[in-house]
Amino acid sequence: MLTVLETCRISPPSATVGENSLPLTFFDIIWLLHFPIHQLFFYDFPHSKPKFTQTALPILKHSLSITLQHFFPFASNLIVFPNPTKPEIRHVDGNSVEFTVAESHLDFKDLVGNHPRACDIFYPLVPPLGHVTNASEFLSIPLFAVQVTYFKNLGFSIGITNLKSPCSL
């Protein structure tokens, strides 16, 4: 159903964000107990795969990079300390978002159609959030991941997964 063509990391342009941290409030912490949010957007693109990879894909990557300089929490990590210190969203130079490019053989017209269908056919089109890193003094949890899925000569989808926190939106 799905073939991964590329996995890379997209970061804000270098030296545009620097080191930043945002402490979470009591209300943000409540949202952390929920599962990540998955969003899926479909776009018509009746062109070949080479045209997609040479024109649309570089624009999507560049746009994401430019956007991350203004919305750096998406490229940041949630830092959770073992002691009673409040968690925080921390960005350091080099932080990035996992960006997956895939190709699917699912029926694009069926997916975008206005009719009921099993929701599990959409799951491969959204990316996993990423892996938790266990540093010696804290846990580092990614907040955002993107997957672009190409459907042969019909269109593409952009799947987004983000940790549900008002501070990260």
N, C-alpha and C. Protein backbone atom coordinates (compact mmCIF):
# COMPACT_ATOMS: atom_id res chain seq x y z
N MET A 1 0.81 -1.20 0.00
CA MET A 1 0.00 0.00 0.00
C MET A 1 0.85 1.27 0.00
N LEU A 2 2.00 1.23 0.67
CA LEU A 2 2.80 2.44 0.85
C LEU A 2 4.28 2.10 0.71
N THR A 3 4.98 2.88 -0.11
CA THR A 3 6.42 2.72 -0.27
C THR A 3 7.09 4.02 0.16
N VAL A 4 7.99 3.93 1.14
CA VAL A 4 8.71 5.12 1.58
C VAL A 4 9.81 5.41 0.57
N LEU A 5 9.79 6.62 0.01
CA LEU A 5 10.78 7.02 -0.98
C LEU A 5 11.96 7.74 -0.34
N GLU A 6 11.68 8.48 0.73
CA GLU A 6 12.73 9.28 1.36
C GLU A 6 12.32 9.63 2.79
N THR A 7 13.28 9.65 3.66
CA THR A 7 13.08 10.17 5.02
C THR A 7 14.21 11.14 5.28
N CYS A 8 13.86 12.35 5.65
CA CYS A 8 14.88 13.35 5.94
C CYS A 8 14.41 14.21 7.11
N ARG A 9 15.23 15.15 7.47
CA ARG A 9 14.88 16.06 8.56
C ARG A 9 14.95 17.47 7.99
N ILE A 10 13.93 18.28 8.33
CA ILE A 10 13.85 19.66 7.88
C ILE A 10 13.99 20.55 9.11
N SER A 11 14.87 21.52 9.03
CA SER A 11 15.07 22.42 10.16
C SER A 11 14.89 23.86 9.69
N PRO A 12 14.72 24.77 10.62
CA PRO A 12 14.67 26.18 10.24
C PRO A 12 16.01 26.58 9.61
N PRO A 13 16.02 27.62 8.78
CA PRO A 13 17.32 28.07 8.24
C PRO A 13 18.30 28.33 9.38
N SER A 14 19.57 28.00 9.15
CA SER A 14 20.55 28.11 10.23
C SER A 14 20.66 29.55 10.74
N ALA A 15 20.89 29.67 12.03
CA ALA A 15 21.07 30.95 12.73
C ALA A 15 19.83 31.85 12.68
N THR A 16 18.63 31.26 12.53
CA THR A 16 17.42 32.09 12.54
C THR A 16 16.65 31.97 13.84
N VAL A 17 16.84 30.89 14.57
CA VAL A 17 16.07 30.69 15.79
C VAL A 17 16.95 30.75 17.03
N GLY A 18 18.09 30.08 17.00
CA GLY A 18 18.95 30.03 18.18
C GLY A 18 18.38 29.12 19.24
N GLU A 19 18.81 29.34 20.47
CA GLU A 19 18.32 28.53 21.58
C GLU A 19 17.16 29.26 22.24
N ASN A 20 16.06 28.56 22.40
CA ASN A 20 14.86 29.10 23.04
C ASN A 20 14.21 28.01 23.87
N SER A 21 13.51 28.42 24.90
CA SER A 21 12.71 27.47 25.65
C SER A 21 11.43 28.15 26.11
N LEU A 22 10.38 27.36 26.14
CA LEU A 22 9.07 27.83 26.58
C LEU A 22 8.61 26.92 27.71
N PRO A 23 8.52 27.43 28.93
CA PRO A 23 8.01 26.57 30.01
C PRO A 23 6.52 26.31 29.81
N LEU A 24 6.09 25.12 30.14
CA LEU A 24 4.67 24.78 30.02
C LEU A 24 3.92 25.28 31.25
N THR A 25 2.71 25.70 31.03
CA THR A 25 1.85 26.11 32.13
C THR A 25 1.07 24.90 32.64
N PHE A 26 0.37 25.08 33.71
CA PHE A 26 -0.48 24.02 34.25
C PHE A 26 -1.47 23.53 33.20
N PHE A 27 -2.04 24.46 32.42
CA PHE A 27 -3.04 24.09 31.42
C PHE A 27 -2.42 23.33 30.25
N ASP A 28 -1.17 23.63 29.90
CA ASP A 28 -0.48 22.88 28.85
C ASP A 28 -0.24 21.44 29.28
N ILE A 29 0.13 21.25 30.53
CA ILE A 29 0.47 19.93 31.03
C ILE A 29 -0.73 18.99 30.97
N ILE A 30 -1.92 19.51 31.20
CA ILE A 30 -3.14 18.69 31.10
C ILE A 30 -3.27 18.08 29.71
N TRP A 31 -2.93 18.86 28.66
CA TRP A 31 -3.06 18.38 27.28
C TRP A 31 -2.06 17.29 26.94
N LEU A 32 -0.97 17.22 27.68
CA LEU A 32 0.06 16.23 27.37
C LEU A 32 -0.38 14.80 27.63
N LEU A 33 -1.45 14.64 28.38
CA LEU A 33 -1.94 13.30 28.70
C LEU A 33 -2.71 12.67 27.53
N HIS A 34 -2.98 13.43 26.49
CA HIS A 34 -3.73 12.93 25.34
C HIS A 34 -2.79 12.36 24.28
N PHE A 35 -3.36 11.57 23.39
CA PHE A 35 -2.60 11.02 22.28
C PHE A 35 -2.30 12.12 21.27
N PRO A 36 -1.30 11.92 20.40
CA PRO A 36 -1.00 12.92 19.38
C PRO A 36 -2.18 13.11 18.43
N ILE A 37 -2.22 14.27 17.81
CA ILE A 37 -3.25 14.61 16.83
C ILE A 37 -2.73 14.27 15.44
N HIS A 38 -3.59 13.68 14.62
CA HIS A 38 -3.25 13.37 13.23
C HIS A 38 -4.15 14.21 12.33
N GLN A 39 -3.54 14.86 11.35
CA GLN A 39 -4.31 15.64 10.37
C GLN A 39 -3.86 15.20 8.99
N LEU A 40 -4.80 15.23 8.05
CA LEU A 40 -4.52 14.76 6.71
C LEU A 40 -5.17 15.69 5.70
N PHE A 41 -4.39 16.16 4.75
CA PHE A 41 -4.87 17.08 3.71
C PHE A 41 -4.56 16.48 2.35
N PHE A 42 -5.53 16.55 1.43
CA PHE A 42 -5.37 15.99 0.09
C PHE A 42 -5.34 17.11 -0.94
N TYR A 43 -4.49 16.95 -1.95
CA TYR A 43 -4.35 17.94 -3.02
C TYR A 43 -4.32 17.24 -4.37
N ASP A 44 -5.07 17.79 -5.33
CA ASP A 44 -5.01 17.28 -6.70
C ASP A 44 -3.66 17.67 -7.30
N PHE A 45 -3.03 16.74 -7.99
CA PHE A 45 -1.76 16.97 -8.67
C PHE A 45 -1.66 15.95 -9.78
N PRO A 46 -2.34 16.20 -10.92
CA PRO A 46 -2.40 15.20 -11.99
C PRO A 46 -1.13 15.20 -12.86
N HIS A 47 0.01 14.95 -12.21
CA HIS A 47 1.29 14.96 -12.92
C HIS A 47 2.11 13.74 -12.53
N SER A 48 3.17 13.50 -13.29
CA SER A 48 4.02 12.33 -13.07
C SER A 48 4.85 12.45 -11.80
N LYS A 49 5.38 11.31 -11.37
CA LYS A 49 6.22 11.28 -10.18
C LYS A 49 7.48 12.13 -10.35
N PRO A 50 8.17 12.08 -11.51
CA PRO A 50 9.34 12.96 -11.66
C PRO A 50 8.99 14.45 -11.53
N LYS A 51 7.85 14.83 -12.08
CA LYS A 51 7.44 16.23 -11.96
C LYS A 51 7.16 16.57 -10.49
N PHE A 52 6.55 15.65 -9.78
CA PHE A 52 6.27 15.86 -8.35
C PHE A 52 7.57 16.01 -7.57
N THR A 53 8.52 15.10 -7.78
CA THR A 53 9.76 15.14 -7.01
C THR A 53 10.67 16.30 -7.40
N GLN A 54 10.53 16.80 -8.62
CA GLN A 54 11.39 17.90 -9.07
C GLN A 54 10.79 19.27 -8.86
N THR A 55 9.47 19.36 -8.74
CA THR A 55 8.85 20.69 -8.60
C THR A 55 8.14 20.86 -7.25
N ALA A 56 7.14 20.07 -6.98
CA ALA A 56 6.32 20.26 -5.78
C ALA A 56 7.09 19.92 -4.49
N LEU A 57 7.82 18.84 -4.49
CA LEU A 57 8.50 18.39 -3.27
C LEU A 57 9.54 19.39 -2.76
N PRO A 58 10.41 19.93 -3.62
CA PRO A 58 11.36 20.94 -3.12
C PRO A 58 10.66 22.18 -2.56
N ILE A 59 9.55 22.57 -3.15
CA ILE A 59 8.80 23.73 -2.66
C ILE A 59 8.23 23.43 -1.28
N LEU A 60 7.69 22.22 -1.09
CA LEU A 60 7.14 21.84 0.22
C LEU A 60 8.22 21.84 1.29
N LYS A 61 9.39 21.29 0.97
CA LYS A 61 10.49 21.25 1.94
C LYS A 61 10.96 22.65 2.30
N HIS A 62 11.14 23.48 1.29
CA HIS A 62 11.60 24.85 1.53
C HIS A 62 10.57 25.64 2.34
N SER A 63 9.30 25.49 1.99
CA SER A 63 8.24 26.19 2.73
C SER A 63 8.21 25.77 4.19
N LEU A 64 8.38 24.48 4.45
CA LEU A 64 8.41 24.01 5.83
C LEU A 64 9.59 24.61 6.58
N SER A 65 10.75 24.64 5.96
CA SER A 65 11.93 25.22 6.59
C SER A 65 11.72 26.68 6.95
N ILE A 66 11.21 27.46 6.02
CA ILE A 66 10.96 28.89 6.25
C ILE A 66 9.91 29.07 7.35
N THR A 67 8.88 28.25 7.34
CA THR A 67 7.83 28.35 8.35
C THR A 67 8.36 28.03 9.74
N LEU A 68 9.27 27.07 9.83
CA LEU A 68 9.80 26.67 11.13
C LEU A 68 10.59 27.78 11.82
N GLN A 69 11.13 28.71 11.05
CA GLN A 69 11.84 29.81 11.70
C GLN A 69 10.88 30.71 12.46
N HIS A 70 9.63 30.76 12.04
CA HIS A 70 8.63 31.59 12.71
C HIS A 70 7.83 30.80 13.75
N PHE A 71 7.75 29.50 13.57
CA PHE A 71 7.02 28.64 14.49
C PHE A 71 7.97 27.55 15.01
N PHE A 72 9.04 27.99 15.65
CA PHE A 72 10.10 27.08 16.07
C PHE A 72 9.66 25.98 17.02
N PRO A 73 8.56 26.14 17.82
CA PRO A 73 8.19 25.01 18.67
C PRO A 73 7.89 23.72 17.90
N PHE A 74 7.49 23.82 16.63
CA PHE A 74 7.25 22.61 15.86
C PHE A 74 8.53 21.82 15.63
N ALA A 75 9.66 22.50 15.55
CA ALA A 75 10.94 21.82 15.36
C ALA A 75 11.62 21.51 16.68
N SER A 76 10.99 21.88 17.77
CA SER A 76 11.57 21.71 19.10
C SER A 76 11.20 20.36 19.69
N ASN A 77 11.66 20.14 20.89
CA ASN A 77 11.35 18.92 21.62
C ASN A 77 10.75 19.28 22.97
N LEU A 78 9.88 18.43 23.43
CA LEU A 78 9.36 18.56 24.78
C LEU A 78 10.38 17.92 25.71
N ILE A 79 10.84 18.69 26.68
CA ILE A 79 11.83 18.20 27.64
C ILE A 79 11.12 17.93 28.96
N VAL A 80 11.22 16.69 29.42
CA VAL A 80 10.58 16.28 30.67
C VAL A 80 11.68 15.84 31.63
N PHE A 81 11.74 16.50 32.78
CA PHE A 81 12.75 16.20 33.79
C PHE A 81 12.20 15.18 34.78
N PRO A 82 13.07 14.35 35.36
CA PRO A 82 12.59 13.37 36.34
C PRO A 82 12.22 14.01 37.68
N ASN A 83 12.84 15.14 38.00
CA ASN A 83 12.51 15.80 39.26
C ASN A 83 11.27 16.67 39.08
N PRO A 84 10.78 17.33 40.10
CA PRO A 84 9.52 18.08 40.00
C PRO A 84 9.56 19.33 39.12
N THR A 85 10.63 19.55 38.38
CA THR A 85 10.71 20.71 37.50
C THR A 85 9.66 20.58 36.40
N LYS A 86 9.05 21.71 36.03
CA LYS A 86 8.04 21.70 34.97
C LYS A 86 8.66 21.32 33.63
N PRO A 87 7.93 20.59 32.80
CA PRO A 87 8.40 20.32 31.44
C PRO A 87 8.50 21.63 30.66
N GLU A 88 9.28 21.60 29.60
CA GLU A 88 9.42 22.78 28.75
C GLU A 88 9.60 22.36 27.31
N ILE A 89 9.29 23.28 26.41
CA ILE A 89 9.57 23.08 24.99
C ILE A 89 10.89 23.78 24.74
N ARG A 90 11.87 23.01 24.26
CA ARG A 90 13.22 23.54 24.09
C ARG A 90 13.67 23.41 22.64
N HIS A 91 14.22 24.50 22.12
CA HIS A 91 14.78 24.48 20.78
C HIS A 91 16.25 24.83 20.85
N VAL A 92 17.06 24.04 20.18
CA VAL A 92 18.48 24.34 20.02
C VAL A 92 18.79 24.28 18.54
N ASP A 93 19.83 25.01 18.12
CA ASP A 93 20.22 24.97 16.70
C ASP A 93 20.43 23.53 16.27
N GLY A 94 19.91 23.18 15.14
CA GLY A 94 20.02 21.82 14.64
C GLY A 94 18.77 20.99 14.87
N ASN A 95 17.85 21.46 15.71
CA ASN A 95 16.58 20.73 15.87
C ASN A 95 15.85 20.70 14.54
N SER A 96 15.09 19.65 14.32
CA SER A 96 14.44 19.49 13.02
C SER A 96 13.17 18.67 13.15
N VAL A 97 12.43 18.64 12.06
CA VAL A 97 11.19 17.89 11.95
C VAL A 97 11.43 16.70 11.03
N GLU A 98 10.94 15.53 11.43
CA GLU A 98 11.05 14.36 10.55
C GLU A 98 10.09 14.54 9.38
N PHE A 99 10.60 14.37 8.17
CA PHE A 99 9.84 14.59 6.94
C PHE A 99 9.97 13.32 6.10
N THR A 100 8.84 12.66 5.88
CA THR A 100 8.83 11.41 5.12
C THR A 100 8.12 11.63 3.80
N VAL A 101 8.70 11.08 2.74
CA VAL A 101 8.07 11.12 1.42
C VAL A 101 7.75 9.67 1.04
N ALA A 102 6.50 9.44 0.66
CA ALA A 102 6.07 8.08 0.33
C ALA A 102 5.24 8.08 -0.94
N GLU A 103 5.03 6.90 -1.47
CA GLU A 103 4.15 6.72 -2.62
C GLU A 103 3.13 5.66 -2.23
N SER A 104 1.87 5.91 -2.59
CA SER A 104 0.82 4.98 -2.23
C SER A 104 0.09 4.49 -3.47
N HIS A 105 -0.39 3.26 -3.39
CA HIS A 105 -1.19 2.69 -4.47
C HIS A 105 -2.66 2.61 -4.07
N LEU A 106 -3.01 3.29 -2.98
CA LEU A 106 -4.42 3.37 -2.60
C LEU A 106 -5.18 4.17 -3.64
N ASP A 107 -6.48 4.00 -3.68
CA ASP A 107 -7.34 4.71 -4.63
C ASP A 107 -7.56 6.15 -4.15
N PHE A 108 -6.87 7.10 -4.77
CA PHE A 108 -6.94 8.51 -4.38
C PHE A 108 -8.37 9.03 -4.43
N LYS A 109 -9.09 8.69 -5.49
CA LYS A 109 -10.47 9.18 -5.63
C LYS A 109 -11.38 8.61 -4.55
N ASP A 110 -11.13 7.39 -4.13
CA ASP A 110 -11.91 6.81 -3.04
C ASP A 110 -11.59 7.53 -1.73
N LEU A 111 -10.32 7.83 -1.50
CA LEU A 111 -9.92 8.50 -0.26
C LEU A 111 -10.52 9.89 -0.12
N VAL A 112 -10.62 10.62 -1.22
CA VAL A 112 -11.15 11.99 -1.16
C VAL A 112 -12.65 12.05 -1.42
N GLY A 113 -13.26 10.93 -1.72
CA GLY A 113 -14.69 10.88 -2.02
C GLY A 113 -15.56 11.21 -0.82
N ASN A 114 -16.78 11.60 -1.11
CA ASN A 114 -17.74 11.97 -0.08
C ASN A 114 -18.65 10.77 0.22
N HIS A 115 -18.09 9.80 0.92
CA HIS A 115 -18.84 8.59 1.27
C HIS A 115 -18.17 7.92 2.46
N PRO A 116 -18.89 7.07 3.16
CA PRO A 116 -18.28 6.37 4.32
C PRO A 116 -17.26 5.33 3.86
N ARG A 117 -16.23 5.16 4.68
CA ARG A 117 -15.22 4.13 4.43
C ARG A 117 -14.50 3.85 5.75
N ALA A 118 -13.80 2.77 5.81
CA ALA A 118 -13.07 2.39 7.03
C ALA A 118 -11.94 3.38 7.28
N CYS A 119 -11.86 3.87 8.50
CA CYS A 119 -10.86 4.88 8.81
C CYS A 119 -9.44 4.32 8.83
N ASP A 120 -9.29 3.01 8.99
CA ASP A 120 -7.94 2.46 9.07
C ASP A 120 -7.16 2.54 7.76
N ILE A 121 -7.83 2.81 6.63
CA ILE A 121 -7.09 2.96 5.38
C ILE A 121 -6.29 4.26 5.36
N PHE A 122 -6.62 5.21 6.23
CA PHE A 122 -5.92 6.49 6.28
C PHE A 122 -4.67 6.44 7.16
N TYR A 123 -4.56 5.48 8.06
CA TYR A 123 -3.46 5.44 9.02
C TYR A 123 -2.07 5.45 8.38
N PRO A 124 -1.84 4.72 7.28
CA PRO A 124 -0.50 4.76 6.69
C PRO A 124 -0.11 6.14 6.14
N LEU A 125 -1.08 7.04 5.98
CA LEU A 125 -0.81 8.34 5.37
C LEU A 125 -0.37 9.40 6.38
N VAL A 126 -0.40 9.08 7.67
CA VAL A 126 0.07 10.02 8.69
C VAL A 126 1.33 9.44 9.34
N PRO A 127 2.31 10.29 9.64
CA PRO A 127 3.58 9.79 10.16
C PRO A 127 3.52 9.49 11.65
N PRO A 128 4.38 8.59 12.12
CA PRO A 128 4.53 8.44 13.56
C PRO A 128 5.24 9.68 14.11
N LEU A 129 5.04 9.96 15.36
CA LEU A 129 5.60 11.18 15.94
C LEU A 129 7.11 11.15 16.05
N GLY A 130 7.70 10.06 16.26
CA GLY A 130 9.15 9.99 16.43
C GLY A 130 9.49 9.28 17.72
N HIS A 131 10.75 9.18 17.98
CA HIS A 131 11.22 8.42 19.13
C HIS A 131 11.59 9.33 20.29
N VAL A 132 11.26 8.88 21.46
CA VAL A 132 11.65 9.57 22.68
C VAL A 132 13.12 9.27 22.93
N THR A 133 13.88 10.33 23.24
CA THR A 133 15.29 10.17 23.55
C THR A 133 15.46 10.28 25.05
N ASN A 134 16.12 9.33 25.63
CA ASN A 134 16.33 9.32 27.07
C ASN A 134 17.75 9.78 27.36
N ALA A 135 17.90 11.09 27.60
CA ALA A 135 19.20 11.62 28.04
C ALA A 135 19.33 11.32 29.53
N SER A 136 20.51 11.47 30.06
CA SER A 136 20.72 11.10 31.46
C SER A 136 19.90 11.96 32.42
N GLU A 137 19.68 13.24 32.10
CA GLU A 137 18.97 14.10 33.04
C GLU A 137 17.55 14.45 32.61
N PHE A 138 17.09 14.03 31.42
CA PHE A 138 15.72 14.34 30.98
C PHE A 138 15.31 13.45 29.82
N LEU A 139 13.99 13.46 29.53
CA LEU A 139 13.45 12.82 28.33
C LEU A 139 13.22 13.91 27.28
N SER A 140 13.51 13.60 26.03
CA SER A 140 13.29 14.53 24.93
C SER A 140 12.27 13.91 23.98
N ILE A 141 11.13 14.59 23.81
CA ILE A 141 10.02 14.04 23.03
C ILE A 141 9.76 14.95 21.84
N PRO A 142 9.81 14.42 20.60
CA PRO A 142 9.51 15.26 19.44
C PRO A 142 8.05 15.71 19.45
N LEU A 143 7.80 16.87 18.87
CA LEU A 143 6.46 17.45 18.90
C LEU A 143 5.72 17.39 17.57
N PHE A 144 6.41 17.11 16.46
CA PHE A 144 5.80 17.31 15.15
C PHE A 144 6.48 16.42 14.12
N ALA A 145 5.70 15.85 13.20
CA ALA A 145 6.24 15.07 12.07
C ALA A 145 5.34 15.28 10.86
N VAL A 146 5.93 15.19 9.67
CA VAL A 146 5.20 15.43 8.41
C VAL A 146 5.47 14.27 7.46
N GLN A 147 4.42 13.87 6.74
CA GLN A 147 4.56 12.86 5.69
C GLN A 147 3.82 13.34 4.45
N VAL A 148 4.52 13.35 3.32
CA VAL A 148 3.91 13.68 2.04
C VAL A 148 3.82 12.38 1.26
N THR A 149 2.61 12.05 0.81
CA THR A 149 2.38 10.80 0.08
C THR A 149 1.87 11.11 -1.32
N TYR A 150 2.58 10.60 -2.32
CA TYR A 150 2.24 10.82 -3.71
C TYR A 150 1.35 9.68 -4.21
N PHE A 151 0.30 10.04 -4.96
CA PHE A 151 -0.60 9.07 -5.60
C PHE A 151 -0.43 9.25 -7.10
N LYS A 152 -0.02 8.21 -7.78
CA LYS A 152 0.38 8.26 -9.19
C LYS A 152 -0.60 9.03 -10.07
N ASN A 153 -0.10 10.13 -10.62
CA ASN A 153 -0.81 10.97 -11.60
C ASN A 153 -2.14 11.53 -11.11
N LEU A 154 -2.39 11.51 -9.82
CA LEU A 154 -3.67 12.00 -9.31
C LEU A 154 -3.53 13.11 -8.27
N GLY A 155 -2.61 12.94 -7.33
CA GLY A 155 -2.49 13.94 -6.29
C GLY A 155 -1.52 13.51 -5.21
N PHE A 156 -1.56 14.23 -4.12
CA PHE A 156 -0.73 13.89 -2.97
C PHE A 156 -1.45 14.30 -1.70
N SER A 157 -1.00 13.73 -0.60
CA SER A 157 -1.54 14.09 0.70
C SER A 157 -0.40 14.58 1.59
N ILE A 158 -0.76 15.43 2.52
CA ILE A 158 0.18 15.85 3.56
C ILE A 158 -0.41 15.40 4.88
N GLY A 159 0.29 14.50 5.54
CA GLY A 159 -0.12 14.01 6.84
C GLY A 159 0.74 14.65 7.91
N ILE A 160 0.10 15.10 8.98
CA ILE A 160 0.79 15.79 10.07
C ILE A 160 0.43 15.10 11.38
N THR A 161 1.43 14.88 12.20
CA THR A 161 1.21 14.38 13.55
C THR A 161 1.87 15.36 14.50
N ASN A 162 1.13 15.81 15.51
CA ASN A 162 1.73 16.68 16.51
C ASN A 162 1.23 16.35 17.90
N LEU A 163 2.10 16.60 18.86
CA LEU A 163 1.72 16.40 20.24
C LEU A 163 0.75 17.48 20.64
N LYS A 164 -0.31 17.10 21.26
CA LYS A 164 -1.40 18.02 21.59
C LYS A 164 -1.02 18.88 22.79
N SER A 165 -0.65 20.09 22.50
CA SER A 165 -0.34 21.06 23.55
C SER A 165 -0.59 22.44 22.99
N PRO A 166 -1.38 23.28 23.65
CA PRO A 166 -1.64 24.61 23.14
C PRO A 166 -0.37 25.40 22.90
N CYS A 167 0.66 25.14 23.68
CA CYS A 167 1.91 25.87 23.54
C CYS A 167 2.62 25.49 22.24
N SER A 168 2.40 24.27 21.74
CA SER A 168 3.08 23.84 20.53
C SER A 168 2.30 24.13 19.27
N LEU A 169 1.14 24.75 19.39
CA LEU A 169 0.35 25.04 18.20
C LEU A 169 0.57 26.43 17.70
